[in-house]
N, C-alpha and C. Protein backbone atom coordinates (compact mmCIF):
# COMPACT_ATOMS: atom_id res chain seq x y z
N MET A 1 -23.79 18.83 -19.58
CA MET A 1 -24.51 17.73 -18.96
C MET A 1 -23.54 16.67 -18.44
N ALA A 2 -22.51 16.36 -19.23
CA ALA A 2 -21.54 15.35 -18.81
C ALA A 2 -20.80 15.79 -17.55
N LYS A 3 -20.57 17.10 -17.44
CA LYS A 3 -19.88 17.63 -16.26
C LYS A 3 -20.72 17.39 -15.01
N ASN A 4 -22.04 17.62 -15.10
CA ASN A 4 -22.92 17.39 -13.96
C ASN A 4 -22.96 15.92 -13.58
N GLN A 5 -22.96 15.03 -14.56
CA GLN A 5 -22.96 13.59 -14.28
C GLN A 5 -21.65 13.20 -13.60
N ASN A 6 -20.55 13.80 -14.06
CA ASN A 6 -19.25 13.54 -13.45
C ASN A 6 -19.25 13.98 -11.99
N GLU A 7 -19.77 15.17 -11.74
CA GLU A 7 -19.83 15.69 -10.37
C GLU A 7 -20.72 14.82 -9.50
N GLU A 8 -21.84 14.37 -10.04
CA GLU A 8 -22.74 13.48 -9.29
C GLU A 8 -22.04 12.17 -8.95
N GLN A 9 -21.27 11.65 -9.88
CA GLN A 9 -20.53 10.41 -9.64
C GLN A 9 -19.52 10.60 -8.51
N HIS A 10 -18.84 11.74 -8.49
CA HIS A 10 -17.85 12.01 -7.43
C HIS A 10 -18.54 12.14 -6.08
N ILE A 11 -19.68 12.77 -6.07
CA ILE A 11 -20.44 12.92 -4.81
C ILE A 11 -20.88 11.55 -4.31
N LYS A 12 -21.33 10.69 -5.23
CA LYS A 12 -21.72 9.33 -4.83
C LYS A 12 -20.54 8.57 -4.26
N LEU A 13 -19.36 8.71 -4.89
CA LEU A 13 -18.16 8.05 -4.38
C LEU A 13 -17.82 8.55 -2.98
N MET A 14 -17.95 9.85 -2.77
CA MET A 14 -17.66 10.43 -1.45
C MET A 14 -18.65 9.90 -0.41
N ALA A 15 -19.92 9.82 -0.78
CA ALA A 15 -20.94 9.30 0.14
C ALA A 15 -20.65 7.84 0.47
N ASP A 16 -20.22 7.06 -0.53
CA ASP A 16 -19.87 5.66 -0.30
C ASP A 16 -18.71 5.54 0.69
N LEU A 17 -17.72 6.41 0.53
CA LEU A 17 -16.58 6.39 1.46
C LEU A 17 -17.05 6.65 2.89
N LEU A 18 -17.94 7.61 3.06
CA LEU A 18 -18.45 7.92 4.39
C LEU A 18 -19.23 6.74 4.97
N ARG A 19 -20.03 6.09 4.14
CA ARG A 19 -20.79 4.92 4.59
C ARG A 19 -19.86 3.77 5.00
N GLN A 20 -18.70 3.70 4.36
CA GLN A 20 -17.74 2.64 4.66
C GLN A 20 -16.86 2.96 5.87
N GLY A 21 -17.09 4.11 6.49
CA GLY A 21 -16.36 4.45 7.70
C GLY A 21 -15.24 5.45 7.52
N ALA A 22 -15.06 5.96 6.32
CA ALA A 22 -14.02 6.99 6.10
C ALA A 22 -14.49 8.30 6.72
N THR A 23 -13.53 9.16 7.05
CA THR A 23 -13.89 10.47 7.61
C THR A 23 -13.38 11.57 6.69
N LEU A 24 -14.14 12.62 6.62
CA LEU A 24 -13.76 13.79 5.83
C LEU A 24 -12.69 14.55 6.59
N THR A 25 -11.64 14.97 5.91
CA THR A 25 -10.56 15.71 6.57
C THR A 25 -10.59 17.17 6.15
N GLU A 26 -9.71 17.94 6.76
CA GLU A 26 -9.60 19.36 6.40
C GLU A 26 -8.68 19.57 5.20
N PHE A 27 -8.10 18.49 4.71
CA PHE A 27 -7.14 18.58 3.61
C PHE A 27 -7.83 18.51 2.25
N ALA A 28 -7.19 19.12 1.26
CA ALA A 28 -7.67 19.08 -0.12
C ALA A 28 -6.62 18.39 -0.98
N CYS A 29 -7.08 17.72 -2.00
CA CYS A 29 -6.19 17.03 -2.93
C CYS A 29 -5.30 18.06 -3.64
N PRO A 30 -4.00 17.83 -3.68
CA PRO A 30 -3.12 18.78 -4.36
C PRO A 30 -3.31 18.79 -5.88
N ALA A 31 -3.89 17.73 -6.43
CA ALA A 31 -4.08 17.64 -7.88
C ALA A 31 -5.39 18.26 -8.35
N CYS A 32 -6.50 18.05 -7.56
CA CYS A 32 -7.81 18.50 -8.05
C CYS A 32 -8.56 19.39 -7.05
N ALA A 33 -8.01 19.58 -5.86
CA ALA A 33 -8.59 20.41 -4.80
C ALA A 33 -9.86 19.83 -4.18
N SER A 34 -10.16 18.56 -4.49
CA SER A 34 -11.31 17.89 -3.89
C SER A 34 -10.97 17.55 -2.44
N PRO A 35 -11.97 17.46 -1.56
CA PRO A 35 -11.68 17.11 -0.17
C PRO A 35 -11.11 15.69 -0.06
N LEU A 36 -10.22 15.52 0.91
CA LEU A 36 -9.61 14.22 1.13
C LEU A 36 -10.31 13.50 2.27
N PHE A 37 -10.34 12.18 2.17
CA PHE A 37 -10.96 11.33 3.18
C PHE A 37 -9.88 10.49 3.85
N ARG A 38 -10.04 10.27 5.15
CA ARG A 38 -9.15 9.35 5.86
C ARG A 38 -9.86 8.01 5.93
N LEU A 39 -9.28 7.01 5.29
CA LEU A 39 -9.85 5.67 5.30
C LEU A 39 -9.60 5.02 6.65
N GLN A 40 -10.29 3.93 6.92
CA GLN A 40 -10.11 3.23 8.19
C GLN A 40 -8.68 2.72 8.35
N SER A 41 -7.98 2.52 7.25
CA SER A 41 -6.58 2.08 7.29
C SER A 41 -5.66 3.21 7.72
N GLY A 42 -6.18 4.45 7.72
CA GLY A 42 -5.36 5.61 8.06
C GLY A 42 -4.87 6.37 6.85
N ASP A 43 -5.01 5.77 5.67
CA ASP A 43 -4.56 6.42 4.44
C ASP A 43 -5.49 7.56 4.07
N LEU A 44 -4.91 8.59 3.42
CA LEU A 44 -5.72 9.67 2.86
C LEU A 44 -6.08 9.29 1.42
N TRP A 45 -7.33 9.58 1.03
CA TRP A 45 -7.84 9.16 -0.27
C TRP A 45 -8.59 10.30 -0.94
N CYS A 46 -8.32 10.49 -2.23
CA CYS A 46 -9.08 11.45 -3.02
C CYS A 46 -10.10 10.67 -3.84
N ALA A 47 -11.38 10.94 -3.58
CA ALA A 47 -12.44 10.22 -4.28
C ALA A 47 -12.51 10.64 -5.75
N LYS A 48 -12.17 11.87 -6.03
CA LYS A 48 -12.25 12.36 -7.40
C LYS A 48 -11.13 11.76 -8.27
N CYS A 49 -9.91 11.78 -7.76
CA CYS A 49 -8.77 11.21 -8.50
C CYS A 49 -8.70 9.69 -8.34
N GLU A 50 -9.41 9.18 -7.32
CA GLU A 50 -9.39 7.76 -6.98
C GLU A 50 -7.96 7.28 -6.73
N LYS A 51 -7.24 8.06 -5.89
CA LYS A 51 -5.85 7.75 -5.57
C LYS A 51 -5.57 8.03 -4.11
N LYS A 52 -4.59 7.32 -3.60
CA LYS A 52 -4.06 7.58 -2.26
C LYS A 52 -3.25 8.87 -2.33
N VAL A 53 -3.34 9.67 -1.28
CA VAL A 53 -2.61 10.95 -1.23
C VAL A 53 -1.73 10.93 0.01
N ILE A 54 -0.51 11.38 -0.16
CA ILE A 54 0.41 11.47 0.97
C ILE A 54 0.75 12.94 1.17
N ILE A 55 0.60 13.38 2.39
CA ILE A 55 0.91 14.77 2.71
C ILE A 55 2.28 14.80 3.37
N VAL A 56 3.15 15.61 2.81
CA VAL A 56 4.49 15.78 3.36
C VAL A 56 4.47 17.05 4.19
N LYS A 57 4.78 16.88 5.47
CA LYS A 57 4.78 18.03 6.37
C LYS A 57 6.00 18.90 6.09
N GLU A 58 5.88 20.16 6.42
CA GLU A 58 6.97 21.10 6.22
C GLU A 58 8.21 20.60 6.96
N GLY A 59 9.33 20.59 6.28
CA GLY A 59 10.57 20.12 6.88
C GLY A 59 10.83 18.65 6.61
N GLU A 60 9.80 17.89 6.23
CA GLU A 60 9.97 16.48 5.91
C GLU A 60 10.45 16.34 4.47
N GLU A 61 11.21 15.32 4.24
CA GLU A 61 11.68 15.07 2.88
C GLU A 61 10.72 14.11 2.19
N ALA A 62 10.27 14.50 1.02
CA ALA A 62 9.36 13.64 0.25
C ALA A 62 10.04 12.32 -0.10
N SER A 63 11.34 12.36 -0.33
CA SER A 63 12.05 11.13 -0.71
C SER A 63 12.04 10.11 0.43
N LYS A 64 12.08 10.59 1.69
CA LYS A 64 12.03 9.67 2.83
C LYS A 64 10.69 8.94 2.87
N ILE A 65 9.62 9.69 2.66
CA ILE A 65 8.28 9.10 2.70
C ILE A 65 8.10 8.14 1.53
N THR A 66 8.53 8.54 0.35
CA THR A 66 8.43 7.69 -0.82
C THR A 66 9.26 6.43 -0.62
N GLY A 67 10.44 6.58 -0.08
CA GLY A 67 11.31 5.43 0.19
C GLY A 67 10.67 4.47 1.17
N SER A 68 10.04 5.00 2.19
CA SER A 68 9.36 4.17 3.18
C SER A 68 8.22 3.39 2.54
N MET A 69 7.48 4.03 1.64
CA MET A 69 6.39 3.35 0.94
C MET A 69 6.92 2.22 0.07
N VAL A 70 8.00 2.49 -0.64
CA VAL A 70 8.59 1.48 -1.51
C VAL A 70 9.07 0.29 -0.68
N LEU A 71 9.71 0.58 0.44
CA LEU A 71 10.19 -0.51 1.31
C LEU A 71 9.02 -1.32 1.87
N GLY A 72 7.93 -0.65 2.18
CA GLY A 72 6.74 -1.36 2.67
C GLY A 72 6.18 -2.30 1.61
N LYS A 73 6.13 -1.82 0.37
CA LYS A 73 5.64 -2.67 -0.72
C LYS A 73 6.59 -3.83 -0.98
N LEU A 74 7.89 -3.55 -0.88
CA LEU A 74 8.88 -4.61 -1.08
C LEU A 74 8.73 -5.68 -0.01
N GLU A 75 8.55 -5.25 1.24
CA GLU A 75 8.37 -6.22 2.32
C GLU A 75 7.13 -7.07 2.10
N ALA A 76 6.05 -6.45 1.66
CA ALA A 76 4.81 -7.19 1.40
C ALA A 76 5.03 -8.22 0.29
N THR A 77 5.75 -7.84 -0.74
CA THR A 77 6.05 -8.76 -1.84
C THR A 77 6.89 -9.94 -1.35
N LEU A 78 7.90 -9.63 -0.55
CA LEU A 78 8.76 -10.69 -0.01
C LEU A 78 7.96 -11.66 0.86
N LEU A 79 7.03 -11.13 1.65
CA LEU A 79 6.21 -11.99 2.50
C LEU A 79 5.32 -12.92 1.68
N VAL A 80 4.80 -12.40 0.58
CA VAL A 80 3.99 -13.25 -0.32
C VAL A 80 4.86 -14.38 -0.88
N LYS A 81 6.09 -14.04 -1.26
CA LYS A 81 6.99 -15.06 -1.80
C LYS A 81 7.34 -16.10 -0.75
N VAL A 82 7.51 -15.68 0.50
CA VAL A 82 7.77 -16.63 1.59
C VAL A 82 6.60 -17.62 1.70
N GLN A 83 5.38 -17.10 1.61
CA GLN A 83 4.21 -17.98 1.68
C GLN A 83 4.19 -18.96 0.51
N GLU A 84 4.55 -18.48 -0.67
CA GLU A 84 4.58 -19.36 -1.85
C GLU A 84 5.62 -20.47 -1.67
N ILE A 85 6.80 -20.11 -1.18
CA ILE A 85 7.86 -21.11 -0.96
C ILE A 85 7.42 -22.10 0.11
N GLN A 86 6.82 -21.60 1.17
CA GLN A 86 6.35 -22.48 2.25
C GLN A 86 5.35 -23.49 1.72
N SER A 87 4.46 -23.04 0.88
CA SER A 87 3.45 -23.93 0.29
C SER A 87 4.12 -25.00 -0.59
N LYS A 88 5.10 -24.59 -1.38
CA LYS A 88 5.82 -25.55 -2.23
C LYS A 88 6.56 -26.57 -1.37
N MET A 89 7.18 -26.09 -0.29
CA MET A 89 7.94 -26.98 0.60
C MET A 89 7.03 -28.02 1.25
N GLN A 90 5.84 -27.59 1.58
CA GLN A 90 4.89 -28.46 2.26
C GLN A 90 4.54 -29.68 1.41
N HIS A 91 4.52 -29.50 0.09
CA HIS A 91 4.11 -30.58 -0.81
C HIS A 91 5.28 -31.28 -1.49
N GLU A 92 6.48 -30.76 -1.29
CA GLU A 92 7.66 -31.31 -1.96
C GLU A 92 8.21 -32.51 -1.19
N GLU A 93 8.56 -33.56 -1.92
CA GLU A 93 9.13 -34.75 -1.29
C GLU A 93 10.59 -34.96 -1.70
N ASN A 94 11.00 -34.37 -2.80
CA ASN A 94 12.37 -34.50 -3.29
C ASN A 94 13.30 -33.66 -2.42
N MET A 95 14.29 -34.32 -1.79
CA MET A 95 15.18 -33.63 -0.85
C MET A 95 16.02 -32.55 -1.52
N GLU A 96 16.48 -32.80 -2.74
CA GLU A 96 17.28 -31.78 -3.44
C GLU A 96 16.44 -30.54 -3.69
N GLU A 97 15.21 -30.75 -4.10
CA GLU A 97 14.31 -29.62 -4.35
C GLU A 97 14.01 -28.89 -3.04
N LEU A 98 13.84 -29.63 -1.96
CA LEU A 98 13.60 -29.02 -0.64
C LEU A 98 14.79 -28.16 -0.22
N GLN A 99 16.01 -28.63 -0.49
CA GLN A 99 17.19 -27.85 -0.16
C GLN A 99 17.24 -26.55 -0.96
N LYS A 100 16.89 -26.62 -2.24
CA LYS A 100 16.85 -25.41 -3.07
C LYS A 100 15.81 -24.43 -2.54
N LEU A 101 14.64 -24.95 -2.20
CA LEU A 101 13.58 -24.09 -1.67
C LEU A 101 13.99 -23.48 -0.33
N ALA A 102 14.68 -24.26 0.50
CA ALA A 102 15.15 -23.76 1.79
C ALA A 102 16.15 -22.63 1.60
N ALA A 103 17.01 -22.74 0.60
CA ALA A 103 17.99 -21.68 0.32
C ALA A 103 17.28 -20.41 -0.13
N VAL A 104 16.29 -20.57 -0.99
CA VAL A 104 15.52 -19.41 -1.45
C VAL A 104 14.79 -18.78 -0.26
N LEU A 105 14.19 -19.60 0.58
CA LEU A 105 13.48 -19.12 1.75
C LEU A 105 14.42 -18.34 2.67
N SER A 106 15.60 -18.87 2.87
CA SER A 106 16.59 -18.20 3.71
C SER A 106 16.94 -16.82 3.15
N ASN A 107 17.15 -16.74 1.84
CA ASN A 107 17.44 -15.45 1.20
C ASN A 107 16.29 -14.47 1.36
N LEU A 108 15.07 -14.96 1.18
CA LEU A 108 13.90 -14.10 1.33
C LEU A 108 13.82 -13.54 2.75
N LEU A 109 14.02 -14.40 3.73
CA LEU A 109 13.95 -13.96 5.13
C LEU A 109 15.04 -12.94 5.45
N GLU A 110 16.24 -13.14 4.91
CA GLU A 110 17.32 -12.17 5.10
C GLU A 110 16.94 -10.82 4.50
N ASN A 111 16.34 -10.87 3.32
CA ASN A 111 15.94 -9.62 2.66
C ASN A 111 14.81 -8.92 3.41
N ILE A 112 13.90 -9.67 4.00
CA ILE A 112 12.85 -9.06 4.82
C ILE A 112 13.47 -8.35 6.01
N GLU A 113 14.44 -8.99 6.64
CA GLU A 113 15.12 -8.38 7.79
C GLU A 113 15.83 -7.09 7.37
N LYS A 114 16.52 -7.13 6.24
CA LYS A 114 17.21 -5.94 5.74
C LYS A 114 16.22 -4.82 5.42
N THR A 115 15.09 -5.20 4.83
CA THR A 115 14.07 -4.20 4.49
C THR A 115 13.53 -3.54 5.75
N ARG A 116 13.28 -4.33 6.78
CA ARG A 116 12.76 -3.79 8.05
C ARG A 116 13.77 -2.87 8.70
N LYS A 117 15.04 -3.22 8.63
CA LYS A 117 16.08 -2.36 9.21
C LYS A 117 16.18 -1.05 8.44
N ALA A 118 16.03 -1.12 7.11
CA ALA A 118 16.13 0.08 6.28
C ALA A 118 14.97 1.05 6.52
N LYS A 119 13.82 0.51 6.94
CA LYS A 119 12.65 1.37 7.19
C LYS A 119 12.81 2.19 8.46
N VAL A 120 13.66 1.76 9.36
CA VAL A 120 13.82 2.44 10.66
C VAL A 120 14.59 3.71 10.54
């Protein structure tokens, strides 16, 4: 009985994905063999595993794709930190503190540039 409830839950999740604009693909999840959905963001998603799935094409290196994902997450983190520093600078009146924040901001921007170059 629990297995049927589990299967019903997965079917409901799949139906929800379709209602949200995802499309069913010809691909199957490598972990559970469930059909994969392409989300509106372009990502592949397994409703059963509830995880993003990346397909590595023949001849492609998995490490390149993984590295690109890591760099993307790093860039996103750096951008969040830039916003946090900008917000602190906006309210800061102490010049010494502003100089420290400006130095941190400069380092963050340099690292964003390096990250973008590494992704190419």
